[in-house]
Amino acid sequence: MSIEKQFTKDMIEIYHRADKECGYRATRFLQVVGEKGGVAAAKSLISKSGGTDGFAKLWELRRLDLSVEALVLREEYSELFTQQEKDLCKSRLKDYGYNI
């Protein structure tokens, strides 16, 4: 399986975990992943100024481990994102008190 396909699979997995573990069903997120694929969806979501509603909701639920930003920073996906994108994710997570 290619790294891009694995990333998309993991994007879908964080959706299912948020639903199952927190009762948070981010249907628009799932739709965007289906339309664009995981990597393009992630790049689009993390580039939104100030973050997304989904990120804020996961923060409220104390589950930023299920955020796109946390997934982007996983070592195995390092090559899929620019340093600027990874720094943005790191900064956003730190601003919300998430230990990386």
PDB file of N, CA and C in Angstrom:
ATOM      1  N   MET A   1       0.855  -1.189   0.000  1.00  0.00           N
ATOM      2  CA  MET A   1       0.000   0.000   0.000  1.00  0.00           C
ATOM      3  C   MET A   1       0.895   1.246   0.000  1.00  0.00           C
ATOM      4  N   SER A   2       0.560   2.195  -0.846  1.00  0.00           N
ATOM      5  CA  SER A   2       1.367   3.421  -0.904  1.00  0.00           C
ATOM      6  C   SER A   2       1.159   4.242   0.366  1.00  0.00           C
ATOM      7  N   ILE A   3       2.117   5.113   0.629  1.00  0.00           N
ATOM      8  CA  ILE A   3       2.039   5.963   1.815  1.00  0.00           C
ATOM      9  C   ILE A   3       0.830   6.901   1.742  1.00  0.00           C
ATOM     10  N   GLU A   4       0.489   7.346   0.533  1.00  0.00           N
ATOM     11  CA  GLU A   4      -0.680   8.215   0.368  1.00  0.00           C
ATOM     12  C   GLU A   4      -1.974   7.468   0.694  1.00  0.00           C
ATOM     13  N   LYS A   5      -2.063   6.212   0.238  1.00  0.00           N
ATOM     14  CA  LYS A   5      -3.257   5.409   0.535  1.00  0.00           C
ATOM     15  C   LYS A   5      -3.353   5.102   2.030  1.00  0.00           C
ATOM     16  N   GLN A   6      -2.217   4.840   2.657  1.00  0.00           N
ATOM     17  CA  GLN A   6      -2.214   4.575   4.097  1.00  0.00           C
ATOM     18  C   GLN A   6      -2.656   5.822   4.860  1.00  0.00           C
ATOM     19  N   PHE A   7      -2.198   6.984   4.425  1.00  0.00           N
ATOM     20  CA  PHE A   7      -2.598   8.232   5.074  1.00  0.00           C
ATOM     21  C   PHE A   7      -4.105   8.430   4.947  1.00  0.00           C
ATOM     22  N   THR A   8      -4.653   8.198   3.752  1.00  0.00           N
ATOM     23  CA  THR A   8      -6.099   8.329   3.559  1.00  0.00           C
ATOM     24  C   THR A   8      -6.843   7.358   4.469  1.00  0.00           C
ATOM     25  N   LYS A   9      -6.352   6.145   4.569  1.00  0.00           N
ATOM     26  CA  LYS A   9      -6.966   5.147   5.453  1.00  0.00           C
ATOM     27  C   LYS A   9      -6.957   5.648   6.907  1.00  0.00           C
ATOM     28  N   ASP A  10      -5.841   6.248   7.321  1.00  0.00           N
ATOM     29  CA  ASP A  10      -5.744   6.769   8.686  1.00  0.00           C
ATOM     30  C   ASP A  10      -6.638   7.996   8.894  1.00  0.00           C
ATOM     31  N   MET A  11      -6.825   8.798   7.851  1.00  0.00           N
ATOM     32  CA  MET A  11      -7.758   9.930   7.950  1.00  0.00           C
ATOM     33  C   MET A  11      -9.172   9.400   8.215  1.00  0.00           C
ATOM     34  N   ILE A  12      -9.568   8.368   7.499  1.00  0.00           N
ATOM     35  CA  ILE A  12     -10.891   7.770   7.696  1.00  0.00           C
ATOM     36  C   ILE A  12     -10.984   7.146   9.091  1.00  0.00           C
ATOM     37  N   GLU A  13      -9.892   6.570   9.540  1.00  0.00           N
ATOM     38  CA  GLU A  13      -9.855   5.953  10.870  1.00  0.00           C
ATOM     39  C   GLU A  13     -10.057   6.997  11.980  1.00  0.00           C
ATOM     40  N   ILE A  14      -9.448   8.180  11.849  1.00  0.00           N
ATOM     41  CA  ILE A  14      -9.658   9.184  12.907  1.00  0.00           C
ATOM     42  C   ILE A  14     -11.113   9.660  12.927  1.00  0.00           C
ATOM     43  N   TYR A  15     -11.753   9.677  11.760  1.00  0.00           N
ATOM     44  CA  TYR A  15     -13.179   9.994  11.717  1.00  0.00           C
ATOM     45  C   TYR A  15     -13.969   8.961  12.521  1.00  0.00           C
ATOM     46  N   HIS A  16     -13.725   7.678  12.253  1.00  0.00           N
ATOM     47  CA  HIS A  16     -14.460   6.612  12.940  1.00  0.00           C
ATOM     48  C   HIS A  16     -14.167   6.589  14.437  1.00  0.00           C
ATOM     49  N   ARG A  17     -12.933   6.842  14.807  1.00  0.00           N
ATOM     50  CA  ARG A  17     -12.591   6.875  16.239  1.00  0.00           C
ATOM     51  C   ARG A  17     -13.277   8.042  16.940  1.00  0.00           C
ATOM     52  N   ALA A  18     -13.318   9.206  16.289  1.00  0.00           N
ATOM     53  CA  ALA A  18     -13.994  10.367  16.889  1.00  0.00           C
ATOM     54  C   ALA A  18     -15.482  10.069  17.083  1.00  0.00           C
ATOM     55  N   ASP A  19     -16.073   9.389  16.111  1.00  0.00           N
ATOM     56  CA  ASP A  19     -17.486   9.013  16.203  1.00  0.00           C
ATOM     57  C   ASP A  19     -17.691   8.010  17.337  1.00  0.00           C
ATOM     58  N   LYS A  20     -16.911   6.946  17.327  1.00  0.00           N
ATOM     59  CA  LYS A  20     -17.079   5.859  18.298  1.00  0.00           C
ATOM     60  C   LYS A  20     -16.692   6.268  19.720  1.00  0.00           C
ATOM     61  N   GLU A  21     -15.564   6.954  19.848  1.00  0.00           N
ATOM     62  CA  GLU A  21     -15.028   7.256  21.179  1.00  0.00           C
ATOM     63  C   GLU A  21     -15.577   8.542  21.783  1.00  0.00           C
ATOM     64  N   CYS A  22     -16.054   9.475  20.947  1.00  0.00           N
ATOM     65  CA  CYS A  22     -16.483  10.783  21.444  1.00  0.00           C
ATOM     66  C   CYS A  22     -17.903  11.150  21.041  1.00  0.00           C
ATOM     67  N   GLY A  23     -18.488  10.374  20.140  1.00  0.00           N
ATOM     68  CA  GLY A  23     -19.808  10.729  19.633  1.00  0.00           C
ATOM     69  C   GLY A  23     -19.768  11.911  18.690  1.00  0.00           C
ATOM     70  N   TYR A  24     -18.591  12.201  18.145  1.00  0.00           N
ATOM     71  CA  TYR A  24     -18.442  13.320  17.210  1.00  0.00           C
ATOM     72  C   TYR A  24     -18.373  12.790  15.790  1.00  0.00           C
ATOM     73  N   ARG A  25     -19.403  13.089  15.020  1.00  0.00           N
ATOM     74  CA  ARG A  25     -19.508  12.599  13.647  1.00  0.00           C
ATOM     75  C   ARG A  25     -19.253  13.757  12.682  1.00  0.00           C
ATOM     76  N   ALA A  26     -18.045  13.811  12.150  1.00  0.00           N
ATOM     77  CA  ALA A  26     -17.640  14.897  11.248  1.00  0.00           C
ATOM     78  C   ALA A  26     -17.898  14.484   9.803  1.00  0.00           C
ATOM     79  N   THR A  27     -19.159  14.509   9.402  1.00  0.00           N
ATOM     80  CA  THR A  27     -19.533  14.006   8.086  1.00  0.00           C
ATOM     81  C   THR A  27     -18.928  14.827   6.946  1.00  0.00           C
ATOM     82  N   ARG A  28     -18.814  16.133   7.124  1.00  0.00           N
ATOM     83  CA  ARG A  28     -18.206  16.972   6.077  1.00  0.00           C
ATOM     84  C   ARG A  28     -16.732  16.594   5.898  1.00  0.00           C
ATOM     85  N   PHE A  29     -16.041  16.315   6.984  1.00  0.00           N
ATOM     86  CA  PHE A  29     -14.648  15.870   6.939  1.00  0.00           C
ATOM     87  C   PHE A  29     -14.534  14.611   6.084  1.00  0.00           C
ATOM     88  N   LEU A  30     -15.391  13.649   6.357  1.00  0.00           N
ATOM     89  CA  LEU A  30     -15.371  12.394   5.616  1.00  0.00           C
ATOM     90  C   LEU A  30     -15.663  12.628   4.136  1.00  0.00           C
ATOM     91  N   GLN A  31     -16.567  13.533   3.850  1.00  0.00           N
ATOM     92  CA  GLN A  31     -16.911  13.865   2.468  1.00  0.00           C
ATOM     93  C   GLN A  31     -15.700  14.472   1.740  1.00  0.00           C
ATOM     94  N   VAL A  32     -14.993  15.381   2.395  1.00  0.00           N
ATOM     95  CA  VAL A  32     -13.820  16.023   1.793  1.00  0.00           C
ATOM     96  C   VAL A  32     -12.720  14.989   1.537  1.00  0.00           C
ATOM     97  N   VAL A  33     -12.510  14.086   2.468  1.00  0.00           N
ATOM     98  CA  VAL A  33     -11.510  13.031   2.281  1.00  0.00           C
ATOM     99  C   VAL A  33     -11.897  12.160   1.083  1.00  0.00           C
ATOM    100  N   GLY A  34     -13.182  11.833   0.965  1.00  0.00           N
ATOM    101  CA  GLY A  34     -13.659  11.028  -0.155  1.00  0.00           C
ATOM    102  C   GLY A  34     -13.487  11.728  -1.500  1.00  0.00           C
ATOM    103  N   GLU A  35     -13.697  13.034  -1.509  1.00  0.00           N
ATOM    104  CA  GLU A  35     -13.596  13.802  -2.751  1.00  0.00           C
ATOM    105  C   GLU A  35     -12.153  14.061  -3.171  1.00  0.00           C
ATOM    106  N   LYS A  36     -11.302  14.419  -2.215  1.00  0.00           N
ATOM    107  CA  LYS A  36      -9.948  14.879  -2.532  1.00  0.00           C
ATOM    108  C   LYS A  36      -8.858  13.846  -2.272  1.00  0.00           C
ATOM    109  N   GLY A  37      -9.172  12.855  -1.435  1.00  0.00           N
ATOM    110  CA  GLY A  37      -8.124  11.962  -0.945  1.00  0.00           C
ATOM    111  C   GLY A  37      -7.550  12.550   0.334  1.00  0.00           C
ATOM    112  N   GLY A  38      -6.912  11.716   1.119  1.00  0.00           N
ATOM    113  CA  GLY A  38      -6.450  12.126   2.441  1.00  0.00           C
ATOM    114  C   GLY A  38      -5.431  13.243   2.458  1.00  0.00           C
ATOM    115  N   VAL A  39      -4.423  13.155   1.598  1.00  0.00           N
ATOM    116  CA  VAL A  39      -3.348  14.152   1.627  1.00  0.00           C
ATOM    117  C   VAL A  39      -3.860  15.526   1.206  1.00  0.00           C
ATOM    118  N   ALA A  40      -4.586  15.595   0.090  1.00  0.00           N
ATOM    119  CA  ALA A  40      -5.120  16.882  -0.367  1.00  0.00           C
ATOM    120  C   ALA A  40      -6.118  17.444   0.638  1.00  0.00           C
ATOM    121  N   ALA A  41      -6.932  16.583   1.233  1.00  0.00           N
ATOM    122  CA  ALA A  41      -7.889  17.035   2.249  1.00  0.00           C
ATOM    123  C   ALA A  41      -7.152  17.606   3.450  1.00  0.00           C
ATOM    124  N   ALA A  42      -6.119  16.917   3.900  1.00  0.00           N
ATOM    125  CA  ALA A  42      -5.344  17.382   5.047  1.00  0.00           C
ATOM    126  C   ALA A  42      -4.709  18.737   4.757  1.00  0.00           C
ATOM    127  N   LYS A  43      -4.100  18.870   3.579  1.00  0.00           N
ATOM    128  CA  LYS A  43      -3.458  20.136   3.212  1.00  0.00           C
ATOM    129  C   LYS A  43      -4.477  21.275   3.197  1.00  0.00           C
ATOM    130  N   SER A  44      -5.661  21.008   2.698  1.00  0.00           N
ATOM    131  CA  SER A  44      -6.727  22.008   2.653  1.00  0.00           C
ATOM    132  C   SER A  44      -7.188  22.383   4.065  1.00  0.00           C
ATOM    133  N   LEU A  45      -7.390  21.389   4.899  1.00  0.00           N
ATOM    134  CA  LEU A  45      -7.895  21.629   6.256  1.00  0.00           C
ATOM    135  C   LEU A  45      -6.878  22.352   7.134  1.00  0.00           C
ATOM    136  N   ILE A  46      -5.619  21.942   7.070  1.00  0.00           N
ATOM    137  CA  ILE A  46      -4.627  22.572   7.957  1.00  0.00           C
ATOM    138  C   ILE A  46      -4.294  23.993   7.516  1.00  0.00           C
ATOM    139  N   SER A  47      -4.553  24.317   6.257  1.00  0.00           N
ATOM    140  CA  SER A  47      -4.221  25.657   5.762  1.00  0.00           C
ATOM    141  C   SER A  47      -5.282  26.699   6.113  1.00  0.00           C
ATOM    142  N   LYS A  48      -6.405  26.264   6.662  1.00  0.00           N
ATOM    143  CA  LYS A  48      -7.465  27.215   7.019  1.00  0.00           C
ATOM    144  C   LYS A  48      -6.991  28.098   8.172  1.00  0.00           C
ATOM    145  N   SER A  49      -7.030  29.391   7.958  1.00  0.00           N
ATOM    146  CA  SER A  49      -6.583  30.347   8.966  1.00  0.00           C
ATOM    147  C   SER A  49      -7.381  30.165  10.258  1.00  0.00           C
ATOM    148  N   GLY A  50      -6.667  29.998  11.357  1.00  0.00           N
ATOM    149  CA  GLY A  50      -7.328  29.827  12.645  1.00  0.00           C
ATOM    150  C   GLY A  50      -7.827  28.423  12.908  1.00  0.00           C
ATOM    151  N   GLY A  51      -7.622  27.509  11.970  1.00  0.00           N
ATOM    152  CA  GLY A  51      -8.050  26.126  12.159  1.00  0.00           C
ATOM    153  C   GLY A  51      -9.484  25.903  11.718  1.00  0.00           C
ATOM    154  N   THR A  52      -9.968  24.714  11.972  1.00  0.00           N
ATOM    155  CA  THR A  52     -11.311  24.328  11.534  1.00  0.00           C
ATOM    156  C   THR A  52     -12.246  24.149  12.731  1.00  0.00           C
ATOM    157  N   ASP A  53     -13.525  24.092  12.443  1.00  0.00           N
ATOM    158  CA  ASP A  53     -14.507  23.808  13.499  1.00  0.00           C
ATOM    159  C   ASP A  53     -14.243  22.432  14.099  1.00  0.00           C
ATOM    160  N   GLY A  54     -13.841  21.497  13.247  1.00  0.00           N
ATOM    161  CA  GLY A  54     -13.550  20.150  13.728  1.00  0.00           C
ATOM    162  C   GLY A  54     -12.405  20.132  14.721  1.00  0.00           C
ATOM    163  N   PHE A  55     -11.361  20.910  14.446  1.00  0.00           N
ATOM    164  CA  PHE A  55     -10.242  21.002  15.374  1.00  0.00           C
ATOM    165  C   PHE A  55     -10.722  21.566  16.715  1.00  0.00           C
ATOM    166  N   ALA A  56     -11.524  22.622  16.667  1.00  0.00           N
ATOM    167  CA  ALA A  56     -12.060  23.234  17.887  1.00  0.00           C
ATOM    168  C   ALA A  56     -12.909  22.229  18.668  1.00  0.00           C
ATOM    169  N   LYS A  57     -13.722  21.451  17.947  1.00  0.00           N
ATOM    170  CA  LYS A  57     -14.572  20.451  18.601  1.00  0.00           C
ATOM    171  C   LYS A  57     -13.718  19.376  19.272  1.00  0.00           C
ATOM    172  N   LEU A  58     -12.684  18.921  18.591  1.00  0.00           N
ATOM    173  CA  LEU A  58     -11.801  17.914  19.193  1.00  0.00           C
ATOM    174  C   LEU A  58     -11.074  18.487  20.411  1.00  0.00           C
ATOM    175  N   TRP A  59     -10.745  19.770  20.374  1.00  0.00           N
ATOM    176  CA  TRP A  59     -10.132  20.418  21.530  1.00  0.00           C
ATOM    177  C   TRP A  59     -11.121  20.425  22.705  1.00  0.00           C
ATOM    178  N   GLU A  60     -12.366  20.778  22.428  1.00  0.00           N
ATOM    179  CA  GLU A  60     -13.400  20.770  23.477  1.00  0.00           C
ATOM    180  C   GLU A  60     -13.540  19.383  24.086  1.00  0.00           C
ATOM    181  N   LEU A  61     -13.430  18.368  23.242  1.00  0.00           N
ATOM    182  CA  LEU A  61     -13.564  16.979  23.696  1.00  0.00           C
ATOM    183  C   LEU A  61     -12.266  16.435  24.305  1.00  0.00           C
ATOM    184  N   ARG A  62     -11.231  17.268  24.306  1.00  0.00           N
ATOM    185  CA  ARG A  62      -9.900  16.881  24.796  1.00  0.00           C
ATOM    186  C   ARG A  62      -9.338  15.685  24.018  1.00  0.00           C
ATOM    187  N   ARG A  63      -9.532  15.719  22.697  1.00  0.00           N
ATOM    188  CA  ARG A  63      -9.087  14.623  21.837  1.00  0.00           C
ATOM    189  C   ARG A  63      -8.324  15.128  20.612  1.00  0.00           C
ATOM    190  N   LEU A  64      -7.403  16.046  20.825  1.00  0.00           N
ATOM    191  CA  LEU A  64      -6.602  16.531  19.711  1.00  0.00           C
ATOM    192  C   LEU A  64      -5.712  15.446  19.116  1.00  0.00           C
ATOM    193  N   ASP A  65      -5.599  14.324  19.818  1.00  0.00           N
ATOM    194  CA  ASP A  65      -4.875  13.179  19.246  1.00  0.00           C
ATOM    195  C   ASP A  65      -5.576  12.658  17.990  1.00  0.00           C
ATOM    196  N   LEU A  66      -6.860  13.000  17.834  1.00  0.00           N
ATOM    197  CA  LEU A  66      -7.630  12.574  16.663  1.00  0.00           C
ATOM    198  C   LEU A  66      -7.698  13.657  15.582  1.00  0.00           C
ATOM    199  N   SER A  67      -6.908  14.704  15.742  1.00  0.00           N
ATOM    200  CA  SER A  67      -6.932  15.798  14.765  1.00  0.00           C
ATOM    201  C   SER A  67      -6.069  15.483  13.550  1.00  0.00           C
ATOM    202  N   VAL A  68      -6.401  16.134  12.456  1.00  0.00           N
ATOM    203  CA  VAL A  68      -5.595  16.021  11.237  1.00  0.00           C
ATOM    204  C   VAL A  68      -4.176  16.493  11.529  1.00  0.00           C
ATOM    205  N   GLU A  69      -4.065  17.561  12.321  1.00  0.00           N
ATOM    206  CA  GLU A  69      -2.754  18.115  12.646  1.00  0.00           C
ATOM    207  C   GLU A  69      -1.863  17.079  13.313  1.00  0.00           C
ATOM    208  N   ALA A  70      -2.421  16.316  14.241  1.00  0.00           N
ATOM    209  CA  ALA A  70      -1.634  15.273  14.920  1.00  0.00           C
ATOM    210  C   ALA A  70      -1.243  14.168  13.941  1.00  0.00           C
ATOM    211  N   LEU A  71      -2.137  13.827  13.034  1.00  0.00           N
ATOM    212  CA  LEU A  71      -1.849  12.787  12.047  1.00  0.00           C
ATOM    213  C   LEU A  71      -0.739  13.225  11.091  1.00  0.00           C
ATOM    214  N   VAL A  72      -0.797  14.473  10.656  1.00  0.00           N
ATOM    215  CA  VAL A  72       0.223  15.009   9.753  1.00  0.00           C
ATOM    216  C   VAL A  72       1.616  14.904  10.371  1.00  0.00           C
ATOM    217  N   LEU A  73       1.690  15.065  11.683  1.00  0.00           N
ATOM    218  CA  LEU A  73       2.996  15.074  12.358  1.00  0.00           C
ATOM    219  C   LEU A  73       3.561  13.689  12.647  1.00  0.00           C
ATOM    220  N   ARG A  74       2.813  12.646  12.338  1.00  0.00           N
ATOM    221  CA  ARG A  74       3.353  11.301  12.536  1.00  0.00           C
ATOM    222  C   ARG A  74       4.576  11.106  11.646  1.00  0.00           C
ATOM    223  N   GLU A  75       5.597  10.511  12.204  1.00  0.00           N
ATOM    224  CA  GLU A  75       6.867  10.321  11.511  1.00  0.00           C
ATOM    225  C   GLU A  75       6.706   9.629  10.163  1.00  0.00           C
ATOM    226  N   GLU A  76       5.839   8.633  10.088  1.00  0.00           N
ATOM    227  CA  GLU A  76       5.698   7.865   8.849  1.00  0.00           C
ATOM    228  C   GLU A  76       5.126   8.693   7.694  1.00  0.00           C
ATOM    229  N   TYR A  77       4.549   9.854   8.009  1.00  0.00           N
ATOM    230  CA  TYR A  77       3.958  10.689   6.967  1.00  0.00           C
ATOM    231  C   TYR A  77       4.770  11.956   6.696  1.00  0.00           C
ATOM    232  N   SER A  78       5.940  12.032   7.256  1.00  0.00           N
ATOM    233  CA  SER A  78       6.791  13.212   7.157  1.00  0.00           C
ATOM    234  C   SER A  78       7.019  13.670   5.721  1.00  0.00           C
ATOM    235  N   GLU A  79       7.215  12.737   4.812  1.00  0.00           N
ATOM    236  CA  GLU A  79       7.540  13.091   3.418  1.00  0.00           C
ATOM    237  C   GLU A  79       6.351  13.642   2.630  1.00  0.00           C
ATOM    238  N   LEU A  80       5.146  13.482   3.155  1.00  0.00           N
ATOM    239  CA  LEU A  80       3.954  13.928   2.429  1.00  0.00           C
ATOM    240  C   LEU A  80       3.684  15.426   2.572  1.00  0.00           C
ATOM    241  N   PHE A  81       4.320  16.050   3.574  1.00  0.00           N
ATOM    242  CA  PHE A  81       4.010  17.439   3.895  1.00  0.00           C
ATOM    243  C   PHE A  81       5.275  18.286   3.943  1.00  0.00           C
ATOM    244  N   THR A  82       5.123  19.558   3.619  1.00  0.00           N
ATOM    245  CA  THR A  82       6.260  20.475   3.662  1.00  0.00           C
ATOM    246  C   THR A  82       6.603  20.800   5.111  1.00  0.00           C
ATOM    247  N   GLN A  83       7.788  21.319   5.306  1.00  0.00           N
ATOM    248  CA  GLN A  83       8.177  21.733   6.655  1.00  0.00           C
ATOM    249  C   GLN A  83       7.241  22.824   7.164  1.00  0.00           C
ATOM    250  N   GLN A  84       6.835  23.721   6.283  1.00  0.00           N
ATOM    251  CA  GLN A  84       5.907  24.793   6.661  1.00  0.00           C
ATOM    252  C   GLN A  84       4.572  24.217   7.147  1.00  0.00           C
ATOM    253  N   GLU A  85       4.059  23.212   6.448  1.00  0.00           N
ATOM    254  CA  GLU A  85       2.795  22.581   6.854  1.00  0.00           C
ATOM    255  C   GLU A  85       2.942  21.893   8.205  1.00  0.00           C
ATOM    256  N   LYS A  86       4.058  21.197   8.393  1.00  0.00           N
ATOM    257  CA  LYS A  86       4.286  20.515   9.674  1.00  0.00           C
ATOM    258  C   LYS A  86       4.460  21.520  10.814  1.00  0.00           C
ATOM    259  N   ASP A  87       5.163  22.626  10.532  1.00  0.00           N
ATOM    260  CA  ASP A  87       5.334  23.669  11.556  1.00  0.00           C
ATOM    261  C   ASP A  87       4.003  24.293  11.936  1.00  0.00           C
ATOM    262  N   LEU A  88       3.129  24.491  10.948  1.00  0.00           N
ATOM    263  CA  LEU A  88       1.803  25.036  11.206  1.00  0.00           C
ATOM    264  C   LEU A  88       1.009  24.103  12.131  1.00  0.00           C
ATOM    265  N   CYS A  89       1.061  22.815  11.851  1.00  0.00           N
ATOM    266  CA  CYS A  89       0.367  21.827  12.685  1.00  0.00           C
ATOM    267  C   CYS A  89       0.929  21.827  14.106  1.00  0.00           C
ATOM    268  N   LYS A  90       2.239  21.844  14.192  1.00  0.00           N
ATOM    269  CA  LYS A  90       2.910  21.825  15.493  1.00  0.00           C
ATOM    270  C   LYS A  90       2.515  23.055  16.311  1.00  0.00           C
ATOM    271  N   SER A  91       2.538  24.205  15.666  1.00  0.00           N
ATOM    272  CA  SER A  91       2.195  25.460  16.329  1.00  0.00           C
ATOM    273  C   SER A  91       0.741  25.463  16.802  1.00  0.00           C
ATOM    274  N   ARG A  92      -0.160  25.023  15.943  1.00  0.00           N
ATOM    275  CA  ARG A  92      -1.586  24.998  16.302  1.00  0.00           C
ATOM    276  C   ARG A  92      -1.822  24.069  17.488  1.00  0.00           C
ATOM    277  N   LEU A  93      -1.229  22.893  17.444  1.00  0.00           N
ATOM    278  CA  LEU A  93      -1.404  21.947  18.549  1.00  0.00           C
ATOM    279  C   LEU A  93      -0.832  22.500  19.854  1.00  0.00           C
ATOM    280  N   LYS A  94       0.346  23.106  19.786  1.00  0.00           N
ATOM    281  CA  LYS A  94       0.951  23.687  20.987  1.00  0.00           C
ATOM    282  C   LYS A  94       0.091  24.814  21.535  1.00  0.00           C
ATOM    283  N   ASP A  95      -0.458  25.656  20.638  1.00  0.00           N
ATOM    284  CA  ASP A  95      -1.311  26.768  21.068  1.00  0.00           C
ATOM    285  C   ASP A  95      -2.523  26.282  21.841  1.00  0.00           C
ATOM    286  N   TYR A  96      -2.969  25.078  21.552  1.00  0.00           N
ATOM    287  CA  TYR A  96      -4.130  24.507  22.238  1.00  0.00           C
ATOM    288  C   TYR A  96      -3.745  23.556  23.360  1.00  0.00           C
ATOM    289  N   GLY A  97      -2.468  23.571  23.739  1.00  0.00           N
ATOM    290  CA  GLY A  97      -2.022  22.817  24.910  1.00  0.00           C
ATOM    291  C   GLY A  97      -1.788  21.346  24.685  1.00  0.00           C
ATOM    292  N   TYR A  98      -1.646  20.943  23.425  1.00  0.00           N
ATOM    293  CA  TYR A  98      -1.426  19.522  23.135  1.00  0.00           C
ATOM    294  C   TYR A  98       0.066  19.235  23.122  1.00  0.00           C
ATOM    295  N   ASN A  99       0.477  18.241  23.889  1.00  0.00           N
ATOM    296  CA  ASN A  99       1.880  17.835  23.918  1.00  0.00           C
ATOM    297  C   ASN A  99       2.204  16.977  22.719  1.00  0.00           C
ATOM    298  N   ILE A 100       3.170  17.419  21.955  1.00  0.00           N
ATOM    299  CA  ILE A 100       3.548  16.698  20.735  1.00  0.00           C
ATOM    300  C   ILE A 100       4.617  15.679  21.061  1.00  0.00           C
TER     301      ILE A 100
END
